[in-house]
Amino acid sequence: MHTPLTDQPDRRAAPPVARSGRRRPTSVRGRIGFGLLWSVVGLCLIAYSGSLVVPLWFQLNHQRLLIVTSGSMSPYFDAGDAVVMRQITDPSQLRVGQVASFWPSGSETLVTHRITKLTMLPLMVQDEATGKMVPRLDAATGEPLVRPYILTKGDANATADADATPLTRVRGVVLEVHPHWGAILDWANSPDGRFALLTPPLAILAAMELTAVIQMRRARSATPVAAPTRAVVDDILFI
């Protein structure tokens, strides 16, 4: 005959619980270094994100950010600046004195110069027989067909642009000028810029993760393992 076992507290030693995760430095020097590393990561990622977000923000507002590559409009803006352009759809939106971005006739290179004159000129086509440019005539009236054109000139150029530009090749007019933005954005989106902005934060994060793994393994190997103990059963009576 025996008495029932009574609830007794388990006297076995509980095994230590290993903590996982990245350990932060406790010394002042370590904390400063830790903060500087995270500052580098944050600054690089913010700079790279900004180079992508800023042009996108202007696009969402129906504008375009153009990078200036020449000094033909100095001192209004110089190479390395960026200009904000708004698209135009009607000749009435253009004024003499505005700075317009356009593709010159026969060229696909975008040019940004000041408008010196708005005019209506005959639409020219090449005569198949002579090879010369002649006005296209209206089939109904026999009169030359005319189209709106702009005459332009760079502020820093001594002479006006050689050819008039049809309105159909005008992309838009300049609203704002941001000095030095163009050089910064151009560099940030170049292979060298992406390497300089993305490599340091990626290397720092990888080094931090590797350090955390090494510290975790060292902590586990340094923790003593408790020997197994025999369970103690009390209050057992034999008759």
C-alpha atoms as a PDB file:
ATOM      1  CA  MET A   1       0.000   0.000   0.000  1.00  0.00           C
ATOM      2  CA  HIS A   2       1.262   3.448  -0.752  1.00  0.00           C
ATOM      3  CA  THR A   3       0.122   6.967  -0.522  1.00  0.00           C
ATOM      4  CA  PRO A   4      -0.508   8.959  -3.712  1.00  0.00           C
ATOM      5  CA  LEU A   5       2.230  11.135  -5.008  1.00  0.00           C
ATOM      6  CA  THR A   6       1.874  14.727  -3.975  1.00  0.00           C
ATOM      7  CA  ASP A   7       2.693  17.628  -6.311  1.00  0.00           C
ATOM      8  CA  GLN A   8       6.284  18.547  -5.646  1.00  0.00           C
ATOM      9  CA  PRO A   9       8.359  21.234  -7.402  1.00  0.00           C
ATOM     10  CA  ASP A  10      10.675  19.860 -10.041  1.00  0.00           C
ATOM     11  CA  ARG A  11      14.162  20.128  -8.599  1.00  0.00           C
ATOM     12  CA  ARG A  12      15.969  19.401 -11.836  1.00  0.00           C
ATOM     13  CA  ALA A  13      18.178  22.215 -13.038  1.00  0.00           C
ATOM     14  CA  ALA A  14      16.714  24.010 -16.020  1.00  0.00           C
ATOM     15  CA  PRO A  15      19.086  24.086 -18.982  1.00  0.00           C
ATOM     16  CA  PRO A  16      20.318  27.555 -19.892  1.00  0.00           C
ATOM     17  CA  VAL A  17      18.427  29.229 -22.662  1.00  0.00           C
ATOM     18  CA  ALA A  18      20.635  30.480 -25.475  1.00  0.00           C
ATOM     19  CA  ARG A  19      19.752  33.914 -26.685  1.00  0.00           C
ATOM     20  CA  SER A  20      19.855  34.583 -30.365  1.00  0.00           C
ATOM     21  CA  GLY A  21      20.093  37.802 -32.281  1.00  0.00           C
ATOM     22  CA  ARG A  22      22.611  40.521 -32.915  1.00  0.00           C
ATOM     23  CA  ARG A  23      24.402  41.797 -29.844  1.00  0.00           C
ATOM     24  CA  ARG A  24      24.937  45.515 -29.630  1.00  0.00           C
ATOM     25  CA  PRO A  25      28.294  46.817 -28.438  1.00  0.00           C
ATOM     26  CA  THR A  26      28.356  47.927 -24.813  1.00  0.00           C
ATOM     27  CA  SER A  27      31.430  50.178 -24.816  1.00  0.00           C
ATOM     28  CA  VAL A  28      31.198  53.846 -25.754  1.00  0.00           C
ATOM     29  CA  ARG A  29      33.649  53.385 -28.611  1.00  0.00           C
ATOM     30  CA  GLY A  30      31.696  50.390 -29.876  1.00  0.00           C
ATOM     31  CA  ARG A  31      28.407  52.279 -29.780  1.00  0.00           C
ATOM     32  CA  ILE A  32      29.909  55.206 -31.679  1.00  0.00           C
ATOM     33  CA  GLY A  33      31.299  52.892 -34.352  1.00  0.00           C
ATOM     34  CA  PHE A  34      27.987  51.038 -34.541  1.00  0.00           C
ATOM     35  CA  GLY A  35      26.135  54.324 -35.011  1.00  0.00           C
ATOM     36  CA  LEU A  36      28.555  55.536 -37.682  1.00  0.00           C
ATOM     37  CA  LEU A  37      28.152  52.327 -39.668  1.00  0.00           C
ATOM     38  CA  TRP A  38      24.367  52.620 -39.620  1.00  0.00           C
ATOM     39  CA  SER A  39      24.681  56.287 -40.600  1.00  0.00           C
ATOM     40  CA  VAL A  40      26.695  55.302 -43.683  1.00  0.00           C
ATOM     41  CA  VAL A  41      24.078  52.694 -44.586  1.00  0.00           C
ATOM     42  CA  GLY A  42      21.238  55.189 -44.184  1.00  0.00           C
ATOM     43  CA  LEU A  43      22.902  58.021 -46.088  1.00  0.00           C
ATOM     44  CA  CYS A  44      23.858  55.826 -49.049  1.00  0.00           C
ATOM     45  CA  LEU A  45      20.390  54.307 -49.334  1.00  0.00           C
ATOM     46  CA  ILE A  46      18.685  57.710 -49.001  1.00  0.00           C
ATOM     47  CA  ALA A  47      20.945  59.212 -51.688  1.00  0.00           C
ATOM     48  CA  TYR A  48      20.311  56.359 -54.129  1.00  0.00           C
ATOM     49  CA  SER A  49      16.562  56.349 -53.439  1.00  0.00           C
ATOM     50  CA  GLY A  50      16.452  60.109 -53.953  1.00  0.00           C
ATOM     51  CA  SER A  51      18.060  59.805 -57.387  1.00  0.00           C
ATOM     52  CA  LEU A  52      15.148  57.572 -58.393  1.00  0.00           C
ATOM     53  CA  VAL A  53      12.307  59.291 -56.547  1.00  0.00           C
ATOM     54  CA  VAL A  54      13.034  62.921 -57.561  1.00  0.00           C
ATOM     55  CA  PRO A  55      12.560  62.400 -61.358  1.00  0.00           C
ATOM     56  CA  LEU A  56       9.524  60.196 -60.644  1.00  0.00           C
ATOM     57  CA  TRP A  57       7.954  62.931 -58.513  1.00  0.00           C
ATOM     58  CA  PHE A  58       8.153  65.407 -61.417  1.00  0.00           C
ATOM     59  CA  GLN A  59       6.660  62.835 -63.802  1.00  0.00           C
ATOM     60  CA  LEU A  60       3.704  62.336 -61.459  1.00  0.00           C
ATOM     61  CA  ASN A  61       3.152  66.112 -61.667  1.00  0.00           C
ATOM     62  CA  HIS A  62       3.134  65.982 -65.517  1.00  0.00           C
ATOM     63  CA  GLN A  63       6.603  67.484 -65.773  1.00  0.00           C
ATOM     64  CA  ARG A  64      10.049  66.237 -66.776  1.00  0.00           C
ATOM     65  CA  LEU A  65      13.466  66.771 -65.248  1.00  0.00           C
ATOM     66  CA  LEU A  66      16.085  67.278 -67.970  1.00  0.00           C
ATOM     67  CA  ILE A  67      19.851  67.205 -67.418  1.00  0.00           C
ATOM     68  CA  VAL A  68      21.759  70.029 -69.127  1.00  0.00           C
ATOM     69  CA  THR A  69      24.831  68.854 -71.051  1.00  0.00           C
ATOM     70  CA  SER A  70      26.103  72.067 -72.681  1.00  0.00           C
ATOM     71  CA  GLY A  71      26.688  75.717 -71.844  1.00  0.00           C
ATOM     72  CA  SER A  72      24.778  77.247 -74.760  1.00  0.00           C
ATOM     73  CA  MET A  73      22.244  78.833 -72.365  1.00  0.00           C
ATOM     74  CA  SER A  74      24.753  80.247 -69.873  1.00  0.00           C
ATOM     75  CA  PRO A  75      24.296  82.103 -67.563  1.00  0.00           C
ATOM     76  CA  TYR A  76      20.609  81.100 -67.316  1.00  0.00           C
ATOM     77  CA  PHE A  77      21.727  77.516 -66.776  1.00  0.00           C
ATOM     78  CA  ASP A  78      24.964  75.625 -67.359  1.00  0.00           C
ATOM     79  CA  ALA A  79      26.117  72.087 -68.022  1.00  0.00           C
ATOM     80  CA  GLY A  80      25.453  69.958 -64.948  1.00  0.00           C
ATOM     81  CA  ASP A  81      22.252  71.796 -64.007  1.00  0.00           C
ATOM     82  CA  ALA A  82      18.767  70.324 -64.322  1.00  0.00           C
ATOM     83  CA  VAL A  83      15.667  72.049 -65.725  1.00  0.00           C
ATOM     84  CA  VAL A  84      12.012  71.278 -65.112  1.00  0.00           C
ATOM     85  CA  MET A  85      10.058  71.067 -68.371  1.00  0.00           C
ATOM     86  CA  ARG A  86       6.292  71.164 -68.935  1.00  0.00           C
ATOM     87  CA  GLN A  87       4.871  69.702 -72.134  1.00  0.00           C
ATOM     88  CA  ILE A  88       2.934  71.988 -74.495  1.00  0.00           C
ATOM     89  CA  THR A  89       0.143  70.903 -76.828  1.00  0.00           C
ATOM     90  CA  ASP A  90      -0.950  74.165 -78.498  1.00  0.00           C
ATOM     91  CA  PRO A  91       0.880  77.115 -80.134  1.00  0.00           C
ATOM     92  CA  SER A  92      -0.976  79.536 -77.855  1.00  0.00           C
ATOM     93  CA  GLN A  93       1.058  78.186 -74.930  1.00  0.00           C
ATOM     94  CA  LEU A  94       4.289  79.533 -76.419  1.00  0.00           C
ATOM     95  CA  ARG A  95       5.632  83.048 -75.958  1.00  0.00           C
ATOM     96  CA  VAL A  96       8.686  84.911 -77.229  1.00  0.00           C
ATOM     97  CA  GLY A  97      11.309  84.825 -74.483  1.00  0.00           C
ATOM     98  CA  GLN A  98      10.351  81.389 -73.183  1.00  0.00           C
ATOM     99  CA  VAL A  99      12.987  78.660 -73.086  1.00  0.00           C
ATOM    100  CA  ALA A 100      11.782  75.630 -75.034  1.00  0.00           C
ATOM    101  CA  SER A 101      13.061  72.074 -75.408  1.00  0.00           C
ATOM    102  CA  PHE A 102      12.775  70.723 -78.949  1.00  0.00           C
ATOM    103  CA  TRP A 103      14.216  68.361 -81.536  1.00  0.00           C
ATOM    104  CA  PRO A 104      15.750  70.375 -84.404  1.00  0.00           C
ATOM    105  CA  SER A 105      14.673  69.324 -87.881  1.00  0.00           C
ATOM    106  CA  GLY A 106      16.647  66.290 -88.987  1.00  0.00           C
ATOM    107  CA  SER A 107      18.069  65.627 -85.503  1.00  0.00           C
ATOM    108  CA  GLU A 108      17.012  63.477 -82.548  1.00  0.00           C
ATOM    109  CA  THR A 109      19.161  65.354 -80.014  1.00  0.00           C
ATOM    110  CA  LEU A 110      17.055  67.400 -77.629  1.00  0.00           C
ATOM    111  CA  VAL A 111      17.999  71.109 -77.565  1.00  0.00           C
ATOM    112  CA  THR A 112      16.860  73.702 -75.025  1.00  0.00           C
ATOM    113  CA  HIS A 113      17.091  77.297 -76.324  1.00  0.00           C
ATOM    114  CA  ARG A 114      15.197  80.563 -75.978  1.00  0.00           C
ATOM    115  CA  ILE A 115      12.369  81.414 -78.400  1.00  0.00           C
ATOM    116  CA  THR A 116      13.131  84.586 -80.358  1.00  0.00           C
ATOM    117  CA  LYS A 117      10.149  84.535 -82.735  1.00  0.00           C
ATOM    118  CA  LEU A 118       6.878  82.718 -83.407  1.00  0.00           C
ATOM    119  CA  THR A 119       5.949  82.488 -87.061  1.00  0.00           C
ATOM    120  CA  MET A 120       3.867  80.627 -89.634  1.00  0.00           C
ATOM    121  CA  LEU A 121       5.948  79.112 -92.443  1.00  0.00           C
ATOM    122  CA  PRO A 122       5.095  76.981 -95.494  1.00  0.00           C
ATOM    123  CA  LEU A 123       5.269  73.259 -95.036  1.00  0.00           C
ATOM    124  CA  MET A 124       8.248  72.173 -97.138  1.00  0.00           C
ATOM    125  CA  VAL A 125       8.571  68.885 -99.011  1.00  0.00           C
ATOM    126  CA  GLN A 126      11.186  67.557-101.407  1.00  0.00           C
ATOM    127  CA  ASP A 127      10.389  67.726-105.096  1.00  0.00           C
ATOM    128  CA  GLU A 128      10.972  64.295-106.589  1.00  0.00           C
ATOM    129  CA  ALA A 129      11.981  65.709-109.970  1.00  0.00           C
ATOM    130  CA  THR A 130      14.460  68.371-108.902  1.00  0.00           C
ATOM    131  CA  GLY A 131      15.340  67.224-105.360  1.00  0.00           C
ATOM    132  CA  LYS A 132      14.729  70.740-104.050  1.00  0.00           C
ATOM    133  CA  MET A 133      12.543  71.659-101.080  1.00  0.00           C
ATOM    134  CA  VAL A 134       9.276  73.286-102.215  1.00  0.00           C
ATOM    135  CA  PRO A 135       6.109  74.347-100.364  1.00  0.00           C
ATOM    136  CA  ARG A 136       3.371  71.748-100.139  1.00  0.00           C
ATOM    137  CA  LEU A 137       0.145  73.019-101.675  1.00  0.00           C
ATOM    138  CA  ASP A 138      -3.387  72.581-100.379  1.00  0.00           C
ATOM    139  CA  ALA A 139      -5.193  70.184-102.746  1.00  0.00           C
ATOM    140  CA  ALA A 140      -8.434  72.178-102.461  1.00  0.00           C
ATOM    141  CA  THR A 141      -7.224  75.774-102.730  1.00  0.00           C
ATOM    142  CA  GLY A 142      -3.771  75.448-104.319  1.00  0.00           C
ATOM    143  CA  GLU A 143      -2.364  77.699-101.600  1.00  0.00           C
ATOM    144  CA  PRO A 144       0.791  76.744 -99.674  1.00  0.00           C
ATOM    145  CA  LEU A 145       0.122  74.913 -96.441  1.00  0.00           C
ATOM    146  CA  VAL A 146       1.531  76.765 -93.459  1.00  0.00           C
ATOM    147  CA  ARG A 147       2.451  75.463 -89.999  1.00  0.00           C
ATOM    148  CA  PRO A 148       3.531  77.145 -86.747  1.00  0.00           C
ATOM    149  CA  TYR A 149       7.304  77.340 -86.262  1.00  0.00           C
ATOM    150  CA  ILE A 150       9.613  78.778 -83.626  1.00  0.00           C
ATOM    151  CA  LEU A 151      12.930  80.560 -84.159  1.00  0.00           C
ATOM    152  CA  THR A 152      15.418  80.004 -81.340  1.00  0.00           C
ATOM    153  CA  LYS A 153      18.836  81.009 -80.063  1.00  0.00           C
ATOM    154  CA  GLY A 154      21.077  79.975 -77.195  1.00  0.00           C
ATOM    155  CA  ASP A 155      21.784  82.821 -74.767  1.00  0.00           C
ATOM    156  CA  ALA A 156      25.524  82.139 -74.935  1.00  0.00           C
ATOM    157  CA  ASN A 157      25.627  81.684 -78.723  1.00  0.00           C
ATOM    158  CA  ALA A 158      26.662  84.524 -81.027  1.00  0.00           C
ATOM    159  CA  THR A 159      24.157  83.572 -83.742  1.00  0.00           C
ATOM    160  CA  ALA A 160      20.627  82.221 -83.855  1.00  0.00           C
ATOM    161  CA  ASP A 161      19.871  78.583 -84.621  1.00  0.00           C
ATOM    162  CA  ALA A 162      20.108  77.947 -88.349  1.00  0.00           C
ATOM    163  CA  ASP A 163      16.708  76.314 -88.894  1.00  0.00           C
ATOM    164  CA  ALA A 164      13.196  77.054 -87.726  1.00  0.00           C
ATOM    165  CA  THR A 165      11.597  74.272 -85.670  1.00  0.00           C
ATOM    166  CA  PRO A 166       8.017  73.121 -86.321  1.00  0.00           C
ATOM    167  CA  LEU A 167       5.709  73.038 -83.329  1.00  0.00           C
ATOM    168  CA  THR A 168       5.309  69.285 -83.757  1.00  0.00           C
ATOM    169  CA  ARG A 169       8.947  68.905 -82.681  1.00  0.00           C
ATOM    170  CA  VAL A 170       8.678  71.127 -79.602  1.00  0.00           C
ATOM    171  CA  ARG A 171       8.604  68.999 -76.466  1.00  0.00           C
ATOM    172  CA  GLY A 172       7.884  71.659 -73.841  1.00  0.00           C
ATOM    173  CA  VAL A 173       8.930  74.841 -72.043  1.00  0.00           C
ATOM    174  CA  VAL A 174      11.256  75.276 -69.071  1.00  0.00           C
ATOM    175  CA  LEU A 175       9.627  76.180 -65.751  1.00  0.00           C
ATOM    176  CA  GLU A 176      12.492  75.982 -63.234  1.00  0.00           C
ATOM    177  CA  VAL A 177      16.256  75.620 -63.063  1.00  0.00           C
ATOM    178  CA  HIS A 178      18.011  73.586 -60.340  1.00  0.00           C
ATOM    179  CA  PRO A 179      21.776  74.233 -60.270  1.00  0.00           C
ATOM    180  CA  HIS A 180      24.031  71.147 -60.051  1.00  0.00           C
ATOM    181  CA  TRP A 181      21.117  68.689 -59.873  1.00  0.00           C
ATOM    182  CA  GLY A 182      21.939  67.316 -63.284  1.00  0.00           C
ATOM    183  CA  ALA A 183      25.512  66.359 -62.430  1.00  0.00           C
ATOM    184  CA  ILE A 184      24.406  64.675 -59.205  1.00  0.00           C
ATOM    185  CA  LEU A 185      21.559  62.714 -60.814  1.00  0.00           C
ATOM    186  CA  ASP A 186      23.687  61.737 -63.788  1.00  0.00           C
ATOM    187  CA  TRP A 187      26.431  60.402 -61.505  1.00  0.00           C
ATOM    188  CA  ALA A 188      24.001  58.607 -59.150  1.00  0.00           C
ATOM    189  CA  ASN A 189      22.432  56.714 -62.045  1.00  0.00           C
ATOM    190  CA  SER A 190      25.751  55.836 -63.699  1.00  0.00           C
ATOM    191  CA  PRO A 191      27.481  52.461 -63.062  1.00  0.00           C
ATOM    192  CA  ASP A 192      30.137  54.203 -60.928  1.00  0.00           C
ATOM    193  CA  GLY A 193      27.491  56.030 -58.917  1.00  0.00           C
ATOM    194  CA  ARG A 194      25.421  52.915 -58.268  1.00  0.00           C
ATOM    195  CA  PHE A 195      28.565  51.037 -57.225  1.00  0.00           C
ATOM    196  CA  ALA A 196      29.619  53.829 -54.839  1.00  0.00           C
ATOM    197  CA  LEU A 197      26.155  54.193 -53.278  1.00  0.00           C
ATOM    198  CA  LEU A 198      25.147  50.537 -52.987  1.00  0.00           C
ATOM    199  CA  THR A 199      28.395  48.686 -52.264  1.00  0.00           C
ATOM    200  CA  PRO A 200      29.189  50.249 -48.826  1.00  0.00           C
ATOM    201  CA  PRO A 201      25.759  49.590 -47.223  1.00  0.00           C
ATOM    202  CA  LEU A 202      25.601  46.052 -48.611  1.00  0.00           C
ATOM    203  CA  ALA A 203      29.135  45.308 -47.371  1.00  0.00           C
ATOM    204  CA  ILE A 204      28.385  46.773 -43.923  1.00  0.00           C
ATOM    205  CA  LEU A 205      25.154  44.805 -43.540  1.00  0.00           C
ATOM    206  CA  ALA A 206      26.874  41.584 -44.636  1.00  0.00           C
ATOM    207  CA  ALA A 207      29.721  42.183 -42.163  1.00  0.00           C
ATOM    208  CA  MET A 208      27.245  42.859 -39.329  1.00  0.00           C
ATOM    209  CA  GLU A 209      25.340  39.678 -40.083  1.00  0.00           C
ATOM    210  CA  LEU A 210      28.536  37.621 -40.248  1.00  0.00           C
ATOM    211  CA  THR A 211      29.730  39.103 -36.949  1.00  0.00           C
ATOM    212  CA  ALA A 212      26.397  38.263 -35.310  1.00  0.00           C
ATOM    213  CA  VAL A 213      26.607  34.635 -36.485  1.00  0.00           C
ATOM    214  CA  ILE A 214      30.177  34.288 -35.164  1.00  0.00           C
ATOM    215  CA  GLN A 215      29.215  35.792 -31.794  1.00  0.00           C
ATOM    216  CA  MET A 216      26.228  33.476 -31.520  1.00  0.00           C
ATOM    217  CA  ARG A 217      28.346  30.385 -32.185  1.00  0.00           C
ATOM    218  CA  ARG A 218      30.970  31.487 -29.666  1.00  0.00           C
ATOM    219  CA  ALA A 219      28.278  32.081 -27.039  1.00  0.00           C
ATOM    220  CA  ARG A 220      26.826  28.616 -27.599  1.00  0.00           C
ATOM    221  CA  SER A 221      30.217  26.911 -27.409  1.00  0.00           C
ATOM    222  CA  ALA A 222      31.095  28.785 -24.183  1.00  0.00           C
ATOM    223  CA  THR A 223      27.827  27.840 -22.393  1.00  0.00           C
ATOM    224  CA  PRO A 224      28.329  24.834 -20.040  1.00  0.00           C
ATOM    225  CA  VAL A 225      25.955  21.942 -20.577  1.00  0.00           C
ATOM    226  CA  ALA A 226      24.250  20.820 -17.351  1.00  0.00           C
ATOM    227  CA  ALA A 227      24.596  17.090 -16.513  1.00  0.00           C
ATOM    228  CA  PRO A 228      21.308  15.154 -16.390  1.00  0.00           C
ATOM    229  CA  THR A 229      19.922  14.624 -12.860  1.00  0.00           C
ATOM    230  CA  ARG A 230      17.763  11.857 -11.483  1.00  0.00           C
ATOM    231  CA  ALA A 231      14.187  12.810 -10.726  1.00  0.00           C
ATOM    232  CA  VAL A 232      13.428  12.928  -7.036  1.00  0.00           C
ATOM    233  CA  VAL A 233      10.178  11.381  -5.914  1.00  0.00           C
ATOM    234  CA  ASP A 234       9.127  12.137  -2.388  1.00  0.00           C
ATOM    235  CA  ASP A 235       6.495  10.888   0.001  1.00  0.00           C
ATOM    236  CA  ILE A 236       6.521   7.252  -1.086  1.00  0.00           C
ATOM    237  CA  LEU A 237       5.641   4.905   1.773  1.00  0.00           C
ATOM    238  CA  PHE A 238       5.825   1.167   1.576  1.00  0.00           C
ATOM    239  CA  ILE A 239       3.986  -1.027   4.048  1.00  0.00           C
END
